[in-house]
Amino acid sequence: MENKKTHSCPFKHEECTRECALYIDPDELNEVVKNKLASVGVIDRGKGICAFKNLSLCVNRILYEELI
């Protein structure tokens, strides 16, 4: 899932980095959680994700599973 695009913060419109309070650093995640999220394509093992984007992906997954 190596995505070369930089993701921008919805508030500052800058690159989402570790300095942002909403940034989920993969180093802070449990190894099992990190591997499960990476296996379904939510997060890269070496790159973090914005908490809002993660929440959106989770809700979309719930909606998808409920409708099928």
C-alpha atoms as a PDB file:
ATOM      1  CA  MET A   1       0.000   0.000   0.000  1.00  0.00           C
ATOM      2  CA  GLU A   2       2.921   2.302  -0.593  1.00  0.00           C
ATOM      3  CA  ASN A   3       1.101   5.514  -1.446  1.00  0.00           C
ATOM      4  CA  LYS A   4       3.447   8.335  -2.420  1.00  0.00           C
ATOM      5  CA  LYS A   5       0.800  11.050  -2.017  1.00  0.00           C
ATOM      6  CA  THR A   6       1.078  13.269   1.014  1.00  0.00           C
ATOM      7  CA  HIS A   7      -2.109  13.567   3.012  1.00  0.00           C
ATOM      8  CA  SER A   8      -3.090  17.046   4.081  1.00  0.00           C
ATOM      9  CA  CYS A   9      -4.570  18.019   7.410  1.00  0.00           C
ATOM     10  CA  PRO A  10      -8.228  19.112   7.136  1.00  0.00           C
ATOM     11  CA  PHE A  11      -7.537  22.032   9.488  1.00  0.00           C
ATOM     12  CA  LYS A  12      -4.146  23.417   8.506  1.00  0.00           C
ATOM     13  CA  HIS A  13      -4.108  22.176   4.892  1.00  0.00           C
ATOM     14  CA  GLU A  14      -0.530  21.005   5.391  1.00  0.00           C
ATOM     15  CA  GLU A  15       1.013  17.553   5.341  1.00  0.00           C
ATOM     16  CA  CYS A  16      -0.295  15.354   8.160  1.00  0.00           C
ATOM     17  CA  THR A  17       2.669  14.729  10.463  1.00  0.00           C
ATOM     18  CA  ARG A  18       3.505  13.518  13.960  1.00  0.00           C
ATOM     19  CA  GLU A  19       3.134  17.068  15.290  1.00  0.00           C
ATOM     20  CA  CYS A  20      -0.631  16.963  14.768  1.00  0.00           C
ATOM     21  CA  ALA A  21      -2.723  15.717  17.691  1.00  0.00           C
ATOM     22  CA  LEU A  22      -4.949  13.775  15.268  1.00  0.00           C
ATOM     23  CA  TYR A  23      -2.079  11.832  13.703  1.00  0.00           C
ATOM     24  CA  ILE A  24      -2.005   8.111  14.531  1.00  0.00           C
ATOM     25  CA  ASP A  25       1.620   7.021  14.620  1.00  0.00           C
ATOM     26  CA  PRO A  26       2.083   3.330  13.761  1.00  0.00           C
ATOM     27  CA  ASP A  27       4.776   3.113  16.460  1.00  0.00           C
ATOM     28  CA  GLU A  28       2.079   3.826  19.060  1.00  0.00           C
ATOM     29  CA  LEU A  29      -0.117   0.948  17.888  1.00  0.00           C
ATOM     30  CA  ASN A  30      -0.057  -2.579  19.192  1.00  0.00           C
ATOM     31  CA  GLU A  31       1.733  -4.869  16.709  1.00  0.00           C
ATOM     32  CA  VAL A  32      -1.397  -7.016  16.213  1.00  0.00           C
ATOM     33  CA  VAL A  33      -3.605  -3.970  15.569  1.00  0.00           C
ATOM     34  CA  LYS A  34      -1.048  -2.462  13.203  1.00  0.00           C
ATOM     35  CA  ASN A  35      -0.796  -5.713  11.212  1.00  0.00           C
ATOM     36  CA  LYS A  36      -4.575  -6.123  11.000  1.00  0.00           C
ATOM     37  CA  LEU A  37      -5.070  -2.537   9.834  1.00  0.00           C
ATOM     38  CA  ALA A  38      -2.264  -2.916   7.306  1.00  0.00           C
ATOM     39  CA  SER A  39      -3.668  -6.196   5.995  1.00  0.00           C
ATOM     40  CA  VAL A  40      -6.999  -4.570   5.099  1.00  0.00           C
ATOM     41  CA  GLY A  41      -5.288  -1.517   3.615  1.00  0.00           C
ATOM     42  CA  VAL A  42      -6.207   1.079   6.240  1.00  0.00           C
ATOM     43  CA  ILE A  43      -2.693   2.035   7.318  1.00  0.00           C
ATOM     44  CA  ASP A  44       0.858   1.511   6.104  1.00  0.00           C
ATOM     45  CA  ARG A  45       3.080  -0.267   8.602  1.00  0.00           C
ATOM     46  CA  GLY A  46       5.674   2.510   8.363  1.00  0.00           C
ATOM     47  CA  LYS A  47       3.422   5.533   7.817  1.00  0.00           C
ATOM     48  CA  GLY A  48       0.694   6.916  10.046  1.00  0.00           C
ATOM     49  CA  ILE A  49      -2.791   8.135   9.299  1.00  0.00           C
ATOM     50  CA  CYS A  50      -5.071  10.987  10.337  1.00  0.00           C
ATOM     51  CA  ALA A  51      -7.551   9.941  13.033  1.00  0.00           C
ATOM     52  CA  PHE A  52     -10.414  11.501  11.037  1.00  0.00           C
ATOM     53  CA  LYS A  53      -9.503   9.486   7.958  1.00  0.00           C
ATOM     54  CA  ASN A  54      -9.248   6.329  10.060  1.00  0.00           C
ATOM     55  CA  LEU A  55     -12.668   7.001  11.589  1.00  0.00           C
ATOM     56  CA  SER A  56     -14.155   7.580   8.152  1.00  0.00           C
ATOM     57  CA  LEU A  57     -12.723   4.317   6.844  1.00  0.00           C
ATOM     58  CA  CYS A  58     -14.089   2.439   9.869  1.00  0.00           C
ATOM     59  CA  VAL A  59     -17.587   3.888   9.502  1.00  0.00           C
ATOM     60  CA  ASN A  60     -17.590   3.150   5.781  1.00  0.00           C
ATOM     61  CA  ARG A  61     -16.637  -0.447   6.519  1.00  0.00           C
ATOM     62  CA  ILE A  62     -19.475  -0.778   9.058  1.00  0.00           C
ATOM     63  CA  LEU A  63     -21.985   0.658   6.590  1.00  0.00           C
ATOM     64  CA  TYR A  64     -20.766  -1.626   3.835  1.00  0.00           C
ATOM     65  CA  GLU A  65     -21.043  -4.727   6.031  1.00  0.00           C
ATOM     66  CA  GLU A  66     -24.521  -3.769   7.276  1.00  0.00           C
ATOM     67  CA  LEU A  67     -25.869  -3.243   3.754  1.00  0.00           C
ATOM     68  CA  ILE A  68     -24.645  -6.545   2.366  1.00  0.00           C
END
